[in-house]
């Protein structure tokens, strides 16, 4: 049987967004605001998607950041604070298991790709900094699709670009909403549980669960 193409989510699945807390502190904001900010970005992006608009991740992120930072005692002008945090977002590292995990997959013959709700250029730069850009083939962004993930059009776009049938692709993501959306679109799914949190009962269950990316080659049969 042919190996499936492994399609990775990027934000939080590959990139370590936990690093953002220090960048909030650098502008004088409470570090816990980083999690609220990212949740606000997803909320606003999903709301716009539900309404039929596909807005760029960067624009939504900057607007949400201005809202979250409003009223905080910052150590600089709010415009400079937004610029600092947004620049830091483009310089994030990958999680510790990413390099070993991706190379283990390619070493076993798997084809890899990525589908992000962010900008393709940022995802490519993330992989370049980690030294694994060559391990990942296509890096796709929903900015070129009709709507954000988890709308079905986003996965359909990826399948067209990758020239694959849904059953021949396995999506790997930390977000249950991404797993649910991909499953509804017919893709195979692996939930990467980095936090140890329980999977939401209202979401379509993944085909498999792992705690690190290094588990994938054996799990997927390479």
N, C-alpha and C. Protein backbone atom coordinates (compact mmCIF):
# COMPACT_ATOMS: atom_id res chain seq x y z
N UNK A 1 0.84 -1.20 0.00
CA UNK A 1 0.00 0.00 0.00
C UNK A 1 0.88 1.25 0.00
N UNK A 2 0.51 2.24 -0.82
CA UNK A 2 1.29 3.47 -0.89
C UNK A 2 1.18 4.25 0.41
N UNK A 3 2.26 4.92 0.76
CA UNK A 3 2.27 5.73 1.97
C UNK A 3 1.40 6.97 1.79
N UNK A 4 0.69 7.40 2.82
CA UNK A 4 -0.10 8.64 2.69
C UNK A 4 0.81 9.86 2.66
N UNK A 5 0.31 10.92 2.06
CA UNK A 5 0.98 12.22 2.19
C UNK A 5 0.63 12.76 3.57
N UNK A 6 1.62 13.25 4.28
CA UNK A 6 1.40 13.79 5.62
C UNK A 6 1.32 15.31 5.52
N UNK A 7 0.15 15.84 5.84
CA UNK A 7 -0.13 17.28 5.73
C UNK A 7 -0.15 17.89 7.12
N UNK A 8 0.76 18.81 7.37
CA UNK A 8 0.89 19.41 8.70
C UNK A 8 0.20 20.77 8.78
N UNK A 9 -0.51 20.96 9.88
CA UNK A 9 -0.85 22.31 10.31
C UNK A 9 0.45 22.97 10.75
N UNK A 10 0.46 24.30 10.87
CA UNK A 10 1.72 24.99 11.21
C UNK A 10 1.66 25.67 12.57
N UNK A 11 0.72 26.60 12.77
CA UNK A 11 0.68 27.36 14.02
C UNK A 11 0.39 26.44 15.21
N UNK A 12 1.30 26.37 16.13
CA UNK A 12 1.26 25.56 17.34
C UNK A 12 1.55 24.08 17.09
N UNK A 13 1.26 23.57 15.91
CA UNK A 13 1.62 22.20 15.59
C UNK A 13 3.12 22.10 15.35
N UNK A 14 3.65 22.97 14.50
CA UNK A 14 5.08 23.03 14.24
C UNK A 14 5.75 24.18 14.99
N UNK A 15 5.15 25.34 14.98
CA UNK A 15 5.75 26.52 15.63
C UNK A 15 5.43 26.54 17.12
N UNK A 16 6.40 26.99 17.90
CA UNK A 16 6.24 27.05 19.35
C UNK A 16 5.73 28.43 19.75
N UNK A 17 4.42 28.57 19.80
CA UNK A 17 3.81 29.86 20.15
C UNK A 17 3.95 30.19 21.63
N UNK A 18 4.38 29.22 22.43
CA UNK A 18 4.63 29.51 23.84
C UNK A 18 5.70 30.56 24.04
N UNK A 19 6.53 30.73 23.03
CA UNK A 19 7.58 31.75 23.09
C UNK A 19 7.02 33.17 23.07
N UNK A 20 5.76 33.32 22.67
CA UNK A 20 5.20 34.66 22.55
C UNK A 20 5.03 35.35 23.90
N UNK A 21 4.95 34.59 24.99
CA UNK A 21 4.77 35.22 26.30
C UNK A 21 5.90 36.20 26.60
N UNK A 22 7.12 35.83 26.25
CA UNK A 22 8.25 36.71 26.54
C UNK A 22 8.20 37.98 25.72
N UNK A 23 7.63 37.91 24.53
CA UNK A 23 7.56 39.09 23.67
C UNK A 23 6.48 40.06 24.15
N UNK A 24 5.44 39.53 24.78
CA UNK A 24 4.47 40.41 25.42
C UNK A 24 5.12 41.12 26.62
N UNK A 25 5.91 40.37 27.39
CA UNK A 25 6.62 40.98 28.52
C UNK A 25 7.58 42.06 28.05
N UNK A 26 8.20 41.87 26.90
CA UNK A 26 9.17 42.85 26.39
C UNK A 26 8.54 44.20 26.12
N UNK A 27 7.25 44.24 25.84
CA UNK A 27 6.58 45.52 25.60
C UNK A 27 5.85 46.02 26.84
N UNK A 28 5.99 45.29 27.94
CA UNK A 28 5.38 45.72 29.20
C UNK A 28 4.01 45.15 29.46
N UNK A 29 3.58 44.18 28.66
CA UNK A 29 2.26 43.58 28.82
C UNK A 29 2.36 42.29 29.64
N UNK A 30 1.31 41.91 30.35
CA UNK A 30 1.31 40.64 31.09
C UNK A 30 1.50 39.46 30.13
N UNK A 31 2.35 38.51 30.48
CA UNK A 31 2.62 37.40 29.56
C UNK A 31 1.40 36.56 29.24
N UNK A 32 0.45 36.48 30.18
CA UNK A 32 -0.74 35.65 29.94
C UNK A 32 -1.63 36.19 28.83
N UNK A 33 -1.40 37.45 28.44
CA UNK A 33 -2.19 38.01 27.35
C UNK A 33 -1.89 37.35 26.01
N UNK A 34 -0.74 36.68 25.92
CA UNK A 34 -0.38 36.03 24.65
C UNK A 34 -1.41 34.97 24.27
N UNK A 35 -1.84 34.17 25.24
CA UNK A 35 -2.83 33.13 24.95
C UNK A 35 -4.17 33.73 24.58
N UNK A 36 -4.57 34.80 25.29
CA UNK A 36 -5.83 35.47 24.98
C UNK A 36 -5.78 36.06 23.58
N UNK A 37 -4.66 36.65 23.24
CA UNK A 37 -4.51 37.24 21.91
C UNK A 37 -4.65 36.20 20.82
N UNK A 38 -3.96 35.05 20.95
CA UNK A 38 -4.02 34.06 19.88
C UNK A 38 -5.43 33.47 19.77
N UNK A 39 -6.07 33.27 20.92
CA UNK A 39 -7.45 32.79 20.88
C UNK A 39 -8.36 33.80 20.19
N UNK A 40 -8.09 35.09 20.39
CA UNK A 40 -8.88 36.14 19.74
C UNK A 40 -8.66 36.14 18.23
N UNK A 41 -7.42 35.86 17.82
CA UNK A 41 -7.12 35.78 16.38
C UNK A 41 -7.94 34.67 15.74
N UNK A 42 -7.94 33.50 16.36
CA UNK A 42 -8.71 32.38 15.82
C UNK A 42 -10.20 32.69 15.81
N UNK A 43 -10.68 33.27 16.91
CA UNK A 43 -12.12 33.62 16.98
C UNK A 43 -12.51 34.55 15.84
N UNK A 44 -11.74 35.61 15.64
CA UNK A 44 -12.08 36.58 14.61
C UNK A 44 -11.93 35.99 13.21
N UNK A 45 -10.90 35.17 13.03
CA UNK A 45 -10.71 34.53 11.73
C UNK A 45 -11.84 33.59 11.40
N UNK A 46 -12.27 32.81 12.39
CA UNK A 46 -13.37 31.88 12.17
C UNK A 46 -14.68 32.63 11.91
N UNK A 47 -14.87 33.74 12.64
CA UNK A 47 -16.10 34.53 12.46
C UNK A 47 -16.17 35.10 11.04
N UNK A 48 -15.06 35.62 10.57
CA UNK A 48 -15.03 36.17 9.21
C UNK A 48 -15.24 35.06 8.18
N UNK A 49 -14.64 33.90 8.44
CA UNK A 49 -14.81 32.75 7.55
C UNK A 49 -16.28 32.34 7.48
N UNK A 50 -16.92 32.29 8.65
CA UNK A 50 -18.34 31.91 8.69
C UNK A 50 -19.20 32.91 7.92
N UNK A 51 -18.76 34.16 7.90
CA UNK A 51 -19.49 35.19 7.19
C UNK A 51 -19.16 35.27 5.72
N UNK A 52 -18.21 34.44 5.27
CA UNK A 52 -17.88 34.40 3.85
C UNK A 52 -16.69 35.23 3.42
N UNK A 53 -15.93 35.75 4.39
CA UNK A 53 -14.77 36.57 4.05
C UNK A 53 -13.48 35.85 4.43
N UNK A 54 -12.51 35.89 3.54
CA UNK A 54 -11.20 35.29 3.79
C UNK A 54 -10.19 36.42 4.00
N UNK A 55 -9.97 36.79 5.26
CA UNK A 55 -9.06 37.89 5.58
C UNK A 55 -7.68 37.35 5.91
N UNK A 56 -6.60 38.08 5.57
CA UNK A 56 -5.24 37.63 5.87
C UNK A 56 -5.01 37.49 7.37
N UNK A 57 -4.32 36.42 7.75
CA UNK A 57 -4.01 36.15 9.15
C UNK A 57 -3.31 37.34 9.81
N UNK A 58 -2.34 37.94 9.10
CA UNK A 58 -1.57 39.04 9.68
C UNK A 58 -2.43 40.24 10.03
N UNK A 59 -3.40 40.55 9.19
CA UNK A 59 -4.28 41.69 9.47
C UNK A 59 -5.14 41.41 10.70
N UNK A 60 -5.68 40.20 10.78
CA UNK A 60 -6.51 39.84 11.93
C UNK A 60 -5.67 39.84 13.19
N UNK A 61 -4.45 39.30 13.12
CA UNK A 61 -3.57 39.22 14.29
C UNK A 61 -3.20 40.61 14.81
N UNK A 62 -2.89 41.53 13.91
CA UNK A 62 -2.53 42.88 14.33
C UNK A 62 -3.71 43.60 14.96
N UNK A 63 -4.89 43.45 14.38
CA UNK A 63 -6.08 44.09 14.94
C UNK A 63 -6.40 43.53 16.33
N UNK A 64 -6.33 42.21 16.47
CA UNK A 64 -6.60 41.58 17.76
C UNK A 64 -5.57 42.01 18.79
N UNK A 65 -4.35 42.21 18.35
CA UNK A 65 -3.29 42.63 19.26
C UNK A 65 -3.54 44.04 19.78
N UNK A 66 -3.98 44.93 18.92
CA UNK A 66 -4.30 46.29 19.36
C UNK A 66 -5.40 46.27 20.41
N UNK A 67 -6.38 45.41 20.22
CA UNK A 67 -7.48 45.30 21.18
C UNK A 67 -6.99 44.76 22.52
N UNK A 68 -6.20 43.72 22.48
CA UNK A 68 -5.71 43.08 23.70
C UNK A 68 -4.78 44.00 24.48
N UNK A 69 -3.98 44.79 23.77
CA UNK A 69 -3.01 45.68 24.43
C UNK A 69 -3.62 47.00 24.88
N UNK A 70 -4.81 47.31 24.40
CA UNK A 70 -5.45 48.57 24.78
C UNK A 70 -5.64 48.63 26.29
N UNK A 71 -5.24 49.73 26.89
CA UNK A 71 -5.41 49.92 28.32
C UNK A 71 -4.27 49.35 29.16
N UNK A 72 -3.34 48.63 28.53
CA UNK A 72 -2.19 48.10 29.27
C UNK A 72 -1.13 49.19 29.45
N UNK A 73 -0.38 49.10 30.54
CA UNK A 73 0.71 50.04 30.79
C UNK A 73 1.97 49.56 30.07
N UNK A 74 2.05 49.90 28.81
CA UNK A 74 3.15 49.45 27.97
C UNK A 74 4.37 50.34 28.15
N UNK A 75 5.52 49.82 27.76
CA UNK A 75 6.75 50.60 27.87
C UNK A 75 7.11 51.31 26.57
N UNK A 76 6.16 51.35 25.67
CA UNK A 76 6.35 52.03 24.39
C UNK A 76 4.98 52.34 23.80
N UNK A 77 4.97 53.13 22.72
CA UNK A 77 3.73 53.45 22.01
C UNK A 77 3.07 52.15 21.56
N UNK A 78 1.73 52.13 21.57
CA UNK A 78 1.03 50.90 21.23
C UNK A 78 1.34 50.45 19.79
N UNK A 79 1.54 51.40 18.90
CA UNK A 79 1.90 51.02 17.54
C UNK A 79 3.23 50.30 17.48
N UNK A 80 4.21 50.80 18.26
CA UNK A 80 5.51 50.14 18.32
C UNK A 80 5.41 48.77 18.99
N UNK A 81 4.54 48.68 20.00
CA UNK A 81 4.34 47.40 20.68
C UNK A 81 3.75 46.37 19.73
N UNK A 82 2.76 46.78 18.95
CA UNK A 82 2.16 45.86 17.97
C UNK A 82 3.21 45.41 16.96
N UNK A 83 4.01 46.35 16.48
CA UNK A 83 5.05 46.00 15.51
C UNK A 83 6.05 45.01 16.10
N UNK A 84 6.42 45.23 17.36
CA UNK A 84 7.40 44.35 18.01
C UNK A 84 6.85 42.92 18.13
N UNK A 85 5.62 42.80 18.59
CA UNK A 85 5.04 41.47 18.78
C UNK A 85 4.80 40.79 17.43
N UNK A 86 4.33 41.53 16.45
CA UNK A 86 4.08 40.93 15.14
C UNK A 86 5.38 40.48 14.47
N UNK A 87 6.45 41.25 14.67
CA UNK A 87 7.75 40.84 14.14
C UNK A 87 8.22 39.57 14.83
N UNK A 88 8.01 39.51 16.14
CA UNK A 88 8.42 38.32 16.89
C UNK A 88 7.65 37.08 16.43
N UNK A 89 6.40 37.27 16.03
CA UNK A 89 5.59 36.16 15.54
C UNK A 89 6.22 35.52 14.31
N UNK A 90 6.93 36.32 13.53
CA UNK A 90 7.57 35.83 12.31
C UNK A 90 8.93 35.19 12.58
N UNK A 91 9.35 35.18 13.85
CA UNK A 91 10.69 34.67 14.19
C UNK A 91 10.62 33.52 15.19
N UNK A 92 9.48 32.88 15.30
CA UNK A 92 9.29 31.80 16.26
C UNK A 92 10.15 30.58 15.92
N UNK A 93 10.52 29.79 16.93
CA UNK A 93 11.19 28.52 16.67
C UNK A 93 10.16 27.40 16.49
N UNK A 94 10.63 26.24 16.08
CA UNK A 94 9.77 25.06 16.04
C UNK A 94 9.84 24.35 17.39
N UNK A 95 8.89 23.47 17.64
CA UNK A 95 8.92 22.64 18.84
C UNK A 95 10.13 21.69 18.78
N UNK A 96 10.61 21.24 19.92
CA UNK A 96 11.82 20.40 19.96
C UNK A 96 11.73 19.10 19.16
N UNK A 97 10.51 18.56 18.97
CA UNK A 97 10.38 17.28 18.27
C UNK A 97 10.22 17.42 16.76
N UNK A 98 10.16 18.65 16.27
CA UNK A 98 9.81 18.85 14.86
C UNK A 98 10.90 18.37 13.91
N UNK A 99 12.14 18.77 14.14
CA UNK A 99 13.22 18.40 13.22
C UNK A 99 13.37 16.88 13.14
N UNK A 100 13.47 16.24 14.30
CA UNK A 100 13.62 14.78 14.32
C UNK A 100 12.41 14.10 13.70
N UNK A 101 11.22 14.62 14.02
CA UNK A 101 10.01 14.00 13.51
C UNK A 101 9.88 14.09 12.00
N UNK A 102 10.14 15.26 11.44
CA UNK A 102 10.01 15.42 9.99
C UNK A 102 11.06 14.61 9.25
N UNK A 103 12.29 14.62 9.77
CA UNK A 103 13.35 13.86 9.10
C UNK A 103 13.13 12.35 9.20
N UNK A 104 12.53 11.91 10.31
CA UNK A 104 12.20 10.50 10.43
C UNK A 104 11.17 10.09 9.39
N UNK A 105 10.21 10.97 9.14
CA UNK A 105 9.18 10.67 8.14
C UNK A 105 9.77 10.62 6.73
N UNK A 106 10.54 11.63 6.37
CA UNK A 106 11.12 11.63 5.01
C UNK A 106 12.11 10.49 4.84
N UNK A 107 12.80 10.14 5.92
CA UNK A 107 13.73 9.02 5.87
C UNK A 107 13.04 7.69 5.63
N UNK A 108 11.77 7.62 5.97
CA UNK A 108 10.99 6.40 5.77
C UNK A 108 10.15 6.47 4.49
N UNK A 109 10.36 7.52 3.70
CA UNK A 109 9.71 7.59 2.40
C UNK A 109 8.42 8.36 2.31
N UNK A 110 8.03 9.05 3.39
CA UNK A 110 6.80 9.83 3.37
C UNK A 110 7.00 11.15 2.63
N UNK A 111 5.97 11.56 1.90
CA UNK A 111 5.93 12.90 1.31
C UNK A 111 5.22 13.82 2.29
N UNK A 112 5.79 15.01 2.52
CA UNK A 112 5.23 15.95 3.49
C UNK A 112 4.79 17.23 2.81
N UNK A 113 3.78 17.87 3.39
CA UNK A 113 3.31 19.18 2.95
C UNK A 113 2.75 19.90 4.17
N UNK A 114 2.41 21.17 4.00
CA UNK A 114 1.86 21.96 5.11
C UNK A 114 0.71 22.80 4.60
N UNK A 115 -0.28 23.00 5.47
CA UNK A 115 -1.43 23.85 5.18
C UNK A 115 -1.66 24.75 6.38
N UNK A 116 -1.48 26.05 6.22
CA UNK A 116 -1.55 26.97 7.33
C UNK A 116 -2.66 28.01 7.14
N UNK A 117 -3.22 28.46 8.25
CA UNK A 117 -4.13 29.60 8.22
C UNK A 117 -3.35 30.91 8.17
N UNK A 118 -2.03 30.83 8.38
CA UNK A 118 -1.18 32.00 8.29
C UNK A 118 -0.65 32.19 6.88
N UNK A 119 0.39 32.99 6.76
CA UNK A 119 1.00 33.26 5.46
C UNK A 119 1.98 32.15 5.10
N UNK A 120 1.98 31.75 3.85
CA UNK A 120 2.89 30.70 3.40
C UNK A 120 4.35 31.11 3.61
N UNK A 121 4.65 32.39 3.37
CA UNK A 121 6.02 32.87 3.53
C UNK A 121 6.52 32.72 4.96
N UNK A 122 5.65 32.97 5.94
CA UNK A 122 6.05 32.82 7.34
C UNK A 122 6.29 31.35 7.67
N UNK A 123 5.44 30.47 7.15
CA UNK A 123 5.62 29.04 7.39
C UNK A 123 6.91 28.53 6.75
N UNK A 124 7.18 28.99 5.54
CA UNK A 124 8.41 28.59 4.88
C UNK A 124 9.64 29.08 5.64
N UNK A 125 9.58 30.32 6.14
CA UNK A 125 10.70 30.86 6.91
C UNK A 125 10.91 30.08 8.21
N UNK A 126 9.83 29.67 8.85
CA UNK A 126 9.92 28.84 10.06
C UNK A 126 10.68 27.56 9.77
N UNK A 127 10.32 26.89 8.69
CA UNK A 127 10.97 25.64 8.32
C UNK A 127 12.42 25.87 7.92
N UNK A 128 12.69 26.97 7.24
CA UNK A 128 14.06 27.31 6.85
C UNK A 128 14.94 27.50 8.08
N UNK A 129 14.44 28.25 9.09
CA UNK A 129 15.23 28.48 10.31
C UNK A 129 15.54 27.17 11.02
N UNK A 130 14.61 26.23 10.94
CA UNK A 130 14.82 24.94 11.61
C UNK A 130 15.68 23.98 10.78
N UNK A 131 15.94 24.35 9.53
CA UNK A 131 16.76 23.51 8.67
C UNK A 131 16.00 22.36 8.03
N UNK A 132 14.67 22.44 7.98
CA UNK A 132 13.87 21.33 7.45
C UNK A 132 12.97 21.75 6.28
N UNK A 133 13.28 22.90 5.68
CA UNK A 133 12.44 23.31 4.56
C UNK A 133 12.51 22.30 3.43
N UNK A 134 13.66 21.69 3.25
CA UNK A 134 13.83 20.70 2.20
C UNK A 134 13.08 19.41 2.44
N UNK A 135 12.65 19.19 3.68
CA UNK A 135 11.90 17.97 4.00
C UNK A 135 10.41 18.10 3.70
N UNK A 136 9.96 19.33 3.54
CA UNK A 136 8.53 19.59 3.31
C UNK A 136 8.35 20.09 1.88
N UNK A 137 7.48 19.43 1.14
CA UNK A 137 7.26 19.83 -0.24
C UNK A 137 6.48 21.13 -0.35
N UNK A 138 5.20 21.03 -0.63
CA UNK A 138 4.38 22.23 -0.80
C UNK A 138 4.02 22.82 0.56
N UNK A 139 4.13 24.14 0.66
CA UNK A 139 3.66 24.87 1.84
C UNK A 139 2.51 25.75 1.36
N UNK A 140 1.30 25.38 1.76
CA UNK A 140 0.09 26.03 1.28
C UNK A 140 -0.53 26.91 2.35
N UNK A 141 -1.16 27.97 1.92
CA UNK A 141 -1.86 28.88 2.83
C UNK A 141 -3.31 29.04 2.41
N UNK A 142 -4.18 29.17 3.41
CA UNK A 142 -5.60 29.39 3.10
C UNK A 142 -5.83 30.77 2.50
N UNK A 143 -4.80 31.63 2.51
CA UNK A 143 -4.94 32.91 1.84
C UNK A 143 -5.21 32.72 0.36
N UNK A 144 -4.85 31.55 -0.17
CA UNK A 144 -5.09 31.23 -1.57
C UNK A 144 -6.30 30.33 -1.75
N UNK A 145 -6.99 30.04 -0.65
CA UNK A 145 -8.19 29.20 -0.68
C UNK A 145 -9.42 30.07 -0.48
N UNK A 146 -10.60 29.53 -0.70
CA UNK A 146 -11.80 30.33 -0.49
C UNK A 146 -12.01 30.75 0.96
N UNK A 147 -11.67 29.87 1.91
CA UNK A 147 -11.91 30.18 3.32
C UNK A 147 -10.84 29.54 4.20
N UNK A 148 -10.79 30.00 5.45
CA UNK A 148 -9.87 29.44 6.45
C UNK A 148 -10.25 28.00 6.78
N UNK A 149 -9.25 27.24 7.26
CA UNK A 149 -9.59 26.02 8.00
C UNK A 149 -10.37 26.43 9.24
N UNK A 150 -11.38 25.64 9.66
CA UNK A 150 -11.72 24.30 9.21
C UNK A 150 -12.83 24.22 8.18
N UNK A 151 -13.04 25.28 7.39
CA UNK A 151 -14.05 25.21 6.34
C UNK A 151 -13.66 24.14 5.32
N UNK A 152 -14.61 23.39 4.78
CA UNK A 152 -14.27 22.31 3.85
C UNK A 152 -13.54 22.78 2.60
N UNK A 153 -13.79 24.02 2.20
CA UNK A 153 -13.12 24.54 1.00
C UNK A 153 -11.60 24.62 1.17
N UNK A 154 -11.14 24.80 2.40
CA UNK A 154 -9.69 24.91 2.63
C UNK A 154 -8.99 23.58 2.36
N UNK A 155 -9.62 22.49 2.82
CA UNK A 155 -9.02 21.18 2.59
C UNK A 155 -9.16 20.76 1.13
N UNK A 156 -10.28 21.13 0.51
CA UNK A 156 -10.46 20.83 -0.91
C UNK A 156 -9.40 21.55 -1.74
N UNK A 157 -9.10 22.78 -1.36
CA UNK A 157 -8.04 23.53 -2.04
C UNK A 157 -6.71 22.79 -1.93
N UNK A 158 -6.37 22.34 -0.72
CA UNK A 158 -5.11 21.63 -0.52
C UNK A 158 -5.05 20.35 -1.35
N UNK A 159 -6.13 19.61 -1.39
CA UNK A 159 -6.15 18.37 -2.16
C UNK A 159 -5.95 18.64 -3.65
N UNK A 160 -6.56 19.71 -4.15
CA UNK A 160 -6.36 20.07 -5.57
C UNK A 160 -4.91 20.41 -5.83
N UNK A 161 -4.33 21.22 -4.96
CA UNK A 161 -2.95 21.64 -5.15
C UNK A 161 -1.97 20.47 -5.05
N UNK A 162 -2.27 19.55 -4.16
CA UNK A 162 -1.39 18.39 -3.95
C UNK A 162 -1.68 17.25 -4.90
N UNK A 163 -2.81 17.37 -5.64
CA UNK A 163 -3.24 16.34 -6.60
C UNK A 163 -3.36 14.99 -5.90
N UNK A 164 -4.07 14.99 -4.79
CA UNK A 164 -4.29 13.79 -3.99
C UNK A 164 -5.77 13.62 -3.67
N UNK A 165 -6.17 12.38 -3.48
CA UNK A 165 -7.50 12.09 -2.99
C UNK A 165 -7.50 12.23 -1.47
N UNK A 166 -8.65 12.57 -0.90
CA UNK A 166 -8.73 12.82 0.54
C UNK A 166 -8.23 11.64 1.36
N UNK A 167 -8.57 10.43 0.97
CA UNK A 167 -8.17 9.26 1.74
C UNK A 167 -6.69 8.95 1.67
N UNK A 168 -5.97 9.62 0.78
CA UNK A 168 -4.52 9.41 0.64
C UNK A 168 -3.72 10.45 1.42
N UNK A 169 -4.40 11.30 2.18
CA UNK A 169 -3.74 12.37 2.93
C UNK A 169 -4.11 12.26 4.40
N UNK A 170 -3.13 12.41 5.27
CA UNK A 170 -3.38 12.42 6.71
C UNK A 170 -2.96 13.77 7.27
N UNK A 171 -3.91 14.45 7.89
CA UNK A 171 -3.63 15.75 8.50
C UNK A 171 -3.14 15.54 9.92
N UNK A 172 -2.05 16.23 10.28
CA UNK A 172 -1.51 16.21 11.63
C UNK A 172 -1.66 17.61 12.21
N UNK A 173 -2.35 17.72 13.35
CA UNK A 173 -2.60 19.04 13.94
C UNK A 173 -2.79 18.93 15.44
N UNK A 174 -2.50 20.03 16.14
CA UNK A 174 -2.75 20.09 17.59
C UNK A 174 -4.17 20.55 17.88
N UNK A 175 -4.82 21.17 16.90
CA UNK A 175 -6.13 21.77 17.13
C UNK A 175 -7.26 20.79 16.83
N UNK A 176 -8.09 20.46 17.81
CA UNK A 176 -9.23 19.58 17.53
C UNK A 176 -10.15 20.11 16.44
N UNK A 177 -10.31 21.42 16.34
CA UNK A 177 -11.18 21.97 15.30
C UNK A 177 -10.62 21.67 13.91
N UNK A 178 -9.29 21.60 13.79
CA UNK A 178 -8.66 21.27 12.51
C UNK A 178 -8.85 19.79 12.20
N UNK A 179 -8.68 18.96 13.22
CA UNK A 179 -8.92 17.52 13.06
C UNK A 179 -10.36 17.27 12.63
N UNK A 180 -11.31 17.92 13.30
CA UNK A 180 -12.72 17.76 12.98
C UNK A 180 -13.01 18.18 11.54
N UNK A 181 -12.49 19.34 11.14
CA UNK A 181 -12.73 19.83 9.79
C UNK A 181 -12.14 18.92 8.73
N UNK A 182 -10.92 18.45 8.97
CA UNK A 182 -10.27 17.57 8.00
C UNK A 182 -11.00 16.24 7.90
N UNK A 183 -11.44 15.71 9.04
CA UNK A 183 -12.17 14.45 9.02
C UNK A 183 -13.47 14.58 8.24
N UNK A 184 -14.16 15.68 8.43
CA UNK A 184 -15.41 15.91 7.70
C UNK A 184 -15.18 16.05 6.20
N UNK A 185 -13.95 16.49 5.84
CA UNK A 185 -13.60 16.62 4.43
C UNK A 185 -13.06 15.31 3.85
N UNK A 186 -13.01 14.26 4.68
CA UNK A 186 -12.60 12.95 4.19
C UNK A 186 -11.15 12.60 4.39
N UNK A 187 -10.36 13.50 4.98
CA UNK A 187 -8.95 13.20 5.21
C UNK A 187 -8.78 12.28 6.41
N UNK A 188 -7.70 11.54 6.43
CA UNK A 188 -7.30 10.82 7.62
C UNK A 188 -6.68 11.82 8.60
N UNK A 189 -6.70 11.51 9.89
CA UNK A 189 -6.27 12.51 10.87
C UNK A 189 -5.44 11.91 12.00
N UNK A 190 -4.48 12.71 12.45
CA UNK A 190 -3.71 12.40 13.65
C UNK A 190 -3.70 13.64 14.53
N UNK A 191 -4.20 13.48 15.74
CA UNK A 191 -4.19 14.58 16.70
C UNK A 191 -2.89 14.54 17.49
N UNK A 192 -2.15 15.65 17.44
CA UNK A 192 -0.92 15.81 18.20
C UNK A 192 -1.26 16.49 19.52
N UNK A 193 -1.31 15.73 20.59
CA UNK A 193 -1.70 16.25 21.90
C UNK A 193 -0.45 16.70 22.66
N UNK A 194 -0.09 17.96 22.47
CA UNK A 194 1.10 18.49 23.13
C UNK A 194 0.83 18.87 24.58
N UNK A 195 -0.40 19.08 24.97
CA UNK A 195 -0.71 19.61 26.29
C UNK A 195 -1.20 18.56 27.28
N UNK A 196 -1.59 17.40 26.79
CA UNK A 196 -2.17 16.39 27.67
C UNK A 196 -3.64 16.64 27.97
N UNK A 197 -4.23 17.59 27.27
CA UNK A 197 -5.65 17.91 27.49
C UNK A 197 -6.53 16.85 26.84
N UNK A 198 -7.73 16.64 27.36
CA UNK A 198 -8.64 15.67 26.74
C UNK A 198 -9.18 16.20 25.42
N UNK A 199 -9.49 15.29 24.52
CA UNK A 199 -10.05 15.68 23.23
C UNK A 199 -11.52 16.03 23.43
N UNK A 200 -11.99 17.14 22.84
CA UNK A 200 -13.40 17.55 23.01
C UNK A 200 -14.38 16.51 22.49
N UNK A 201 -15.37 16.20 23.27
CA UNK A 201 -16.33 15.16 22.88
C UNK A 201 -17.23 15.62 21.72
N UNK A 202 -17.35 16.93 21.52
CA UNK A 202 -18.22 17.44 20.45
C UNK A 202 -17.55 17.38 19.09
N UNK A 203 -16.25 17.12 19.05
CA UNK A 203 -15.52 17.10 17.79
C UNK A 203 -15.40 15.67 17.26
N UNK A 204 -15.31 15.54 15.93
CA UNK A 204 -15.04 14.25 15.33
C UNK A 204 -13.69 13.73 15.83
N UNK A 205 -13.67 12.50 16.30
CA UNK A 205 -12.45 11.96 16.87
C UNK A 205 -11.40 11.70 15.80
N UNK A 206 -10.13 11.87 16.15
CA UNK A 206 -9.06 11.59 15.18
C UNK A 206 -8.92 10.09 14.96
N UNK A 207 -8.29 9.73 13.86
CA UNK A 207 -7.99 8.32 13.62
C UNK A 207 -6.92 7.82 14.59
N UNK A 208 -5.98 8.72 14.93
CA UNK A 208 -4.90 8.36 15.84
C UNK A 208 -4.56 9.56 16.71
N UNK A 209 -3.90 9.29 17.83
CA UNK A 209 -3.39 10.34 18.71
C UNK A 209 -1.92 10.06 19.00
N UNK A 210 -1.11 11.12 19.03
CA UNK A 210 0.30 11.01 19.41
C UNK A 210 0.64 12.17 20.33
N UNK A 211 1.73 12.03 21.06
CA UNK A 211 2.19 13.12 21.91
C UNK A 211 3.43 13.80 21.35
N UNK A 212 4.12 13.14 20.41
CA UNK A 212 5.26 13.75 19.73
C UNK A 212 5.25 13.34 18.26
N UNK A 213 5.88 14.14 17.42
CA UNK A 213 5.91 13.84 15.99
C UNK A 213 6.78 12.63 15.67
N UNK A 214 7.69 12.28 16.57
CA UNK A 214 8.56 11.14 16.31
C UNK A 214 7.81 9.81 16.31
N UNK A 215 6.59 9.81 16.80
CA UNK A 215 5.77 8.59 16.80
C UNK A 215 5.13 8.31 15.44
N UNK A 216 5.15 9.30 14.55
CA UNK A 216 4.38 9.18 13.31
C UNK A 216 4.85 8.09 12.34
N UNK A 217 6.15 7.93 12.09
CA UNK A 217 6.55 6.93 11.08
C UNK A 217 6.03 5.53 11.38
N UNK A 218 6.20 5.07 12.62
CA UNK A 218 5.70 3.74 12.98
C UNK A 218 4.18 3.69 12.94
N UNK A 219 3.55 4.75 13.39
CA UNK A 219 2.09 4.79 13.43
C UNK A 219 1.49 4.70 12.03
N UNK A 220 2.11 5.41 11.09
CA UNK A 220 1.56 5.50 9.74
C UNK A 220 2.08 4.40 8.80
N UNK A 221 2.97 3.57 9.30
CA UNK A 221 3.37 2.40 8.53
C UNK A 221 4.51 2.55 7.58
N UNK A 222 5.34 3.58 7.79
CA UNK A 222 6.48 3.74 6.88
C UNK A 222 7.63 2.80 7.20
